């Protein structure tokens, strides 16, 4: 643990005190989750329907979800489609 004290130029009184503590964790390689990534291009988004689970985008996402993939990011592309970044734990 290290103590840092700041003093003004006129007196020897501390004007601020803070304690800086550093904690290190030792991690073994087998404790680290390894990930694999997949980018899925979804079709152009369509207006919601009465049956939202029937849209082509949702069907595609559910298909990947059934394989263990989780959507973690997405971005709209210039052509109106959407790219979705997916990840899942890599096999050991």
N, C-alpha and C. Protein backbone atom coordinates (compact mmCIF):
# COMPACT_ATOMS: atom_id res chain seq x y z
N UNK A 1 0.85 -1.17 0.00
CA UNK A 1 0.00 0.00 0.00
C UNK A 1 0.90 1.23 0.00
N UNK A 2 0.53 2.22 -0.78
CA UNK A 2 1.32 3.43 -0.90
C UNK A 2 0.44 4.61 -0.55
N UNK A 3 0.97 5.55 0.23
CA UNK A 3 0.20 6.72 0.62
C UNK A 3 0.75 7.93 -0.12
N UNK A 4 -0.13 8.72 -0.71
CA UNK A 4 0.28 9.92 -1.44
C UNK A 4 -0.32 11.13 -0.74
N UNK A 5 0.51 12.12 -0.44
CA UNK A 5 0.03 13.33 0.23
C UNK A 5 0.45 14.52 -0.61
N UNK A 6 -0.51 15.38 -0.95
CA UNK A 6 -0.22 16.60 -1.70
C UNK A 6 -0.21 17.76 -0.71
N UNK A 7 0.76 18.66 -0.85
CA UNK A 7 0.86 19.81 0.04
C UNK A 7 0.87 21.08 -0.80
N UNK A 8 0.31 22.14 -0.22
CA UNK A 8 0.38 23.40 -0.95
C UNK A 8 1.76 24.01 -0.73
N UNK A 9 2.11 25.02 -1.49
CA UNK A 9 3.44 25.60 -1.43
C UNK A 9 3.70 26.46 -0.21
N UNK A 10 2.69 26.85 0.57
CA UNK A 10 2.85 27.78 1.68
C UNK A 10 2.95 27.11 3.04
N UNK A 11 2.43 25.93 3.20
CA UNK A 11 2.44 25.31 4.51
C UNK A 11 2.82 23.85 4.39
N UNK A 12 3.02 23.27 5.52
CA UNK A 12 3.36 21.85 5.51
C UNK A 12 2.13 20.99 5.74
N UNK A 13 0.94 21.61 5.71
CA UNK A 13 -0.30 20.86 5.93
C UNK A 13 -0.72 20.16 4.64
N UNK A 14 -1.12 18.92 4.76
CA UNK A 14 -1.61 18.22 3.56
C UNK A 14 -2.90 18.86 3.07
N UNK A 15 -3.03 19.03 1.75
CA UNK A 15 -4.28 19.55 1.19
C UNK A 15 -5.16 18.42 0.65
N UNK A 16 -4.58 17.27 0.42
CA UNK A 16 -5.36 16.12 -0.03
C UNK A 16 -4.59 14.88 0.32
N UNK A 17 -5.29 13.88 0.73
CA UNK A 17 -4.66 12.60 1.02
C UNK A 17 -5.42 11.50 0.29
N UNK A 18 -4.70 10.58 -0.23
CA UNK A 18 -5.34 9.43 -0.85
C UNK A 18 -4.47 8.22 -0.65
N UNK A 19 -5.11 7.11 -0.59
CA UNK A 19 -4.40 5.85 -0.44
C UNK A 19 -4.57 5.09 -1.75
N UNK A 20 -3.47 4.66 -2.28
CA UNK A 20 -3.48 3.92 -3.53
C UNK A 20 -3.12 2.47 -3.22
N UNK A 21 -4.03 1.58 -3.53
CA UNK A 21 -3.78 0.16 -3.30
C UNK A 21 -3.88 -0.57 -4.63
N UNK A 22 -3.00 -1.51 -4.83
CA UNK A 22 -3.02 -2.30 -6.06
C UNK A 22 -3.21 -3.75 -5.68
N UNK A 23 -4.12 -4.40 -6.38
CA UNK A 23 -4.38 -5.82 -6.12
C UNK A 23 -4.14 -6.58 -7.42
N UNK A 24 -3.36 -7.62 -7.32
CA UNK A 24 -3.07 -8.45 -8.48
C UNK A 24 -3.73 -9.80 -8.29
N UNK A 25 -4.35 -10.27 -9.33
CA UNK A 25 -4.94 -11.60 -9.31
C UNK A 25 -4.12 -12.51 -10.21
N UNK A 26 -3.79 -13.65 -9.73
CA UNK A 26 -3.06 -14.63 -10.52
C UNK A 26 -4.10 -15.54 -11.16
N UNK A 27 -4.02 -15.65 -12.46
CA UNK A 27 -5.00 -16.43 -13.20
C UNK A 27 -4.27 -17.49 -14.01
N UNK A 28 -4.76 -18.71 -13.92
CA UNK A 28 -4.19 -19.79 -14.72
C UNK A 28 -4.88 -19.80 -16.08
N UNK A 29 -4.17 -20.22 -17.10
CA UNK A 29 -4.74 -20.25 -18.45
C UNK A 29 -6.03 -21.05 -18.53
N UNK A 30 -6.13 -22.14 -17.77
CA UNK A 30 -7.34 -22.96 -17.85
C UNK A 30 -8.54 -22.27 -17.21
N UNK A 31 -8.31 -21.20 -16.43
CA UNK A 31 -9.41 -20.45 -15.81
C UNK A 31 -10.00 -19.40 -16.74
N UNK A 32 -9.34 -19.11 -17.84
CA UNK A 32 -9.77 -18.07 -18.76
C UNK A 32 -10.74 -18.65 -19.79
N UNK A 33 -11.89 -18.03 -19.94
CA UNK A 33 -12.83 -18.48 -20.96
C UNK A 33 -12.33 -18.04 -22.32
N UNK A 34 -12.23 -18.95 -23.22
CA UNK A 34 -11.85 -18.66 -24.61
C UNK A 34 -13.13 -18.53 -25.42
N UNK A 35 -13.17 -17.56 -26.33
CA UNK A 35 -14.37 -17.29 -27.12
C UNK A 35 -14.10 -17.52 -28.59
N UNK A 36 -15.14 -17.91 -29.31
CA UNK A 36 -15.09 -17.90 -30.76
C UNK A 36 -16.17 -16.94 -31.24
N UNK A 37 -15.95 -16.34 -32.39
CA UNK A 37 -16.82 -15.28 -32.89
C UNK A 37 -17.36 -15.63 -34.26
N UNK A 38 -18.53 -15.08 -34.54
CA UNK A 38 -19.20 -15.30 -35.82
C UNK A 38 -19.86 -13.98 -36.20
N UNK A 39 -19.77 -13.61 -37.47
CA UNK A 39 -20.50 -12.43 -37.96
C UNK A 39 -21.59 -12.94 -38.89
N UNK A 40 -22.82 -12.56 -38.57
CA UNK A 40 -23.98 -12.98 -39.35
C UNK A 40 -24.56 -11.75 -40.03
N UNK A 41 -24.77 -11.84 -41.34
CA UNK A 41 -25.42 -10.76 -42.08
C UNK A 41 -26.91 -11.07 -42.14
N UNK A 42 -27.70 -10.23 -41.51
CA UNK A 42 -29.15 -10.42 -41.52
C UNK A 42 -29.74 -9.75 -42.76
N UNK A 43 -30.89 -10.22 -43.22
CA UNK A 43 -31.55 -9.55 -44.36
C UNK A 43 -32.03 -8.16 -43.95
N UNK A 44 -32.41 -7.39 -44.94
CA UNK A 44 -32.91 -6.04 -44.66
C UNK A 44 -34.04 -6.12 -43.65
N UNK A 45 -34.03 -5.17 -42.73
CA UNK A 45 -35.07 -5.16 -41.71
C UNK A 45 -36.41 -4.82 -42.34
N UNK A 46 -37.42 -5.50 -41.87
CA UNK A 46 -38.77 -5.28 -42.35
C UNK A 46 -39.62 -4.76 -41.20
N UNK A 47 -40.74 -4.18 -41.55
CA UNK A 47 -41.66 -3.69 -40.52
C UNK A 47 -42.11 -4.87 -39.66
N UNK A 48 -42.31 -4.62 -38.35
CA UNK A 48 -42.77 -5.69 -37.47
C UNK A 48 -44.09 -6.27 -37.95
N UNK A 49 -44.25 -7.55 -37.71
CA UNK A 49 -45.49 -8.23 -38.11
C UNK A 49 -46.25 -8.64 -36.85
N UNK A 50 -47.44 -9.17 -37.05
CA UNK A 50 -48.22 -9.67 -35.93
C UNK A 50 -47.53 -10.86 -35.29
N UNK A 51 -46.69 -11.55 -36.05
CA UNK A 51 -45.95 -12.70 -35.55
C UNK A 51 -44.45 -12.36 -35.60
N UNK A 52 -43.93 -11.60 -34.63
CA UNK A 52 -42.55 -11.12 -34.71
C UNK A 52 -41.51 -12.23 -34.81
N UNK A 53 -41.77 -13.38 -34.26
CA UNK A 53 -40.79 -14.46 -34.32
C UNK A 53 -40.68 -15.07 -35.71
N UNK A 54 -41.51 -14.61 -36.64
CA UNK A 54 -41.51 -15.17 -37.98
C UNK A 54 -40.67 -14.34 -38.97
N UNK A 55 -40.12 -13.20 -38.55
CA UNK A 55 -39.32 -12.42 -39.48
C UNK A 55 -38.04 -13.18 -39.81
N UNK A 56 -37.50 -12.93 -41.00
CA UNK A 56 -36.30 -13.63 -41.44
C UNK A 56 -35.12 -13.37 -40.50
N UNK A 57 -35.02 -12.14 -39.99
CA UNK A 57 -33.92 -11.80 -39.09
C UNK A 57 -34.02 -12.59 -37.79
N UNK A 58 -35.21 -12.66 -37.21
CA UNK A 58 -35.39 -13.38 -35.94
C UNK A 58 -35.17 -14.88 -36.14
N UNK A 59 -35.65 -15.41 -37.25
CA UNK A 59 -35.43 -16.83 -37.53
C UNK A 59 -33.94 -17.12 -37.62
N UNK A 60 -33.17 -16.25 -38.30
CA UNK A 60 -31.72 -16.44 -38.42
C UNK A 60 -31.03 -16.36 -37.05
N UNK A 61 -31.42 -15.39 -36.23
CA UNK A 61 -30.82 -15.26 -34.90
C UNK A 61 -31.17 -16.45 -34.02
N UNK A 62 -32.40 -16.90 -34.08
CA UNK A 62 -32.80 -18.07 -33.28
C UNK A 62 -32.05 -19.32 -33.73
N UNK A 63 -31.81 -19.45 -35.02
CA UNK A 63 -31.07 -20.61 -35.53
C UNK A 63 -29.65 -20.62 -34.95
N UNK A 64 -29.00 -19.46 -34.94
CA UNK A 64 -27.65 -19.37 -34.38
C UNK A 64 -27.69 -19.56 -32.86
N UNK A 65 -28.71 -19.02 -32.21
CA UNK A 65 -28.86 -19.18 -30.77
C UNK A 65 -28.99 -20.65 -30.38
N UNK A 66 -29.66 -21.43 -31.21
CA UNK A 66 -29.80 -22.86 -30.96
C UNK A 66 -28.44 -23.57 -31.00
N UNK A 67 -27.48 -22.96 -31.66
CA UNK A 67 -26.12 -23.51 -31.76
C UNK A 67 -25.21 -22.98 -30.64
N UNK A 68 -25.78 -22.19 -29.74
CA UNK A 68 -25.00 -21.66 -28.61
C UNK A 68 -24.44 -20.26 -28.81
N UNK A 69 -24.76 -19.63 -29.95
CA UNK A 69 -24.24 -18.29 -30.22
C UNK A 69 -25.10 -17.24 -29.54
N UNK A 70 -24.45 -16.19 -29.04
CA UNK A 70 -25.12 -15.06 -28.40
C UNK A 70 -24.76 -13.79 -29.16
N UNK A 71 -25.77 -12.99 -29.51
CA UNK A 71 -25.51 -11.72 -30.18
C UNK A 71 -24.95 -10.73 -29.17
N UNK A 72 -23.80 -10.14 -29.50
CA UNK A 72 -23.16 -9.20 -28.59
C UNK A 72 -22.96 -7.81 -29.19
N UNK A 73 -23.25 -7.66 -30.48
CA UNK A 73 -23.12 -6.36 -31.12
C UNK A 73 -23.74 -6.40 -32.50
N UNK A 74 -24.09 -5.22 -32.98
CA UNK A 74 -24.66 -5.16 -34.33
C UNK A 74 -24.43 -3.80 -34.93
N UNK A 75 -24.44 -3.75 -36.26
CA UNK A 75 -24.28 -2.49 -36.96
C UNK A 75 -25.08 -2.55 -38.26
N UNK A 76 -25.69 -1.42 -38.59
CA UNK A 76 -26.42 -1.32 -39.86
C UNK A 76 -25.42 -1.06 -40.98
N UNK A 77 -25.63 -1.75 -42.10
CA UNK A 77 -24.77 -1.58 -43.26
C UNK A 77 -25.44 -0.66 -44.27
N UNK A 78 -24.66 -0.14 -45.19
CA UNK A 78 -25.16 0.84 -46.17
C UNK A 78 -26.30 0.30 -47.03
N UNK A 79 -26.31 -1.02 -47.26
CA UNK A 79 -27.35 -1.59 -48.13
C UNK A 79 -28.65 -1.89 -47.38
N UNK A 80 -28.72 -1.54 -46.11
CA UNK A 80 -29.93 -1.77 -45.33
C UNK A 80 -29.93 -3.06 -44.54
N UNK A 81 -28.94 -3.91 -44.78
CA UNK A 81 -28.84 -5.14 -43.99
C UNK A 81 -28.14 -4.83 -42.66
N UNK A 82 -28.07 -5.80 -41.81
CA UNK A 82 -27.47 -5.63 -40.48
C UNK A 82 -26.45 -6.73 -40.27
N UNK A 83 -25.27 -6.36 -39.80
CA UNK A 83 -24.24 -7.34 -39.43
C UNK A 83 -24.30 -7.50 -37.92
N UNK A 84 -24.38 -8.75 -37.47
CA UNK A 84 -24.47 -9.06 -36.05
C UNK A 84 -23.23 -9.83 -35.63
N UNK A 85 -22.55 -9.35 -34.59
CA UNK A 85 -21.41 -10.06 -34.02
C UNK A 85 -21.93 -10.99 -32.95
N UNK A 86 -21.55 -12.25 -33.06
CA UNK A 86 -22.01 -13.26 -32.10
C UNK A 86 -20.78 -13.95 -31.50
N UNK A 87 -20.95 -14.45 -30.26
CA UNK A 87 -19.87 -15.18 -29.64
C UNK A 87 -20.44 -16.35 -28.85
N UNK A 88 -19.57 -17.32 -28.62
CA UNK A 88 -19.88 -18.45 -27.74
C UNK A 88 -18.56 -18.97 -27.19
N UNK A 89 -18.65 -19.69 -26.09
CA UNK A 89 -17.45 -20.26 -25.50
C UNK A 89 -16.85 -21.27 -26.47
N UNK A 90 -15.55 -21.18 -26.67
CA UNK A 90 -14.86 -22.10 -27.58
C UNK A 90 -14.75 -23.46 -26.90
N UNK A 91 -14.81 -24.52 -27.69
CA UNK A 91 -14.63 -25.85 -27.11
C UNK A 91 -13.24 -25.98 -26.51
N UNK A 92 -13.15 -26.72 -25.43
CA UNK A 92 -11.84 -26.89 -24.75
C UNK A 92 -11.04 -28.00 -25.35
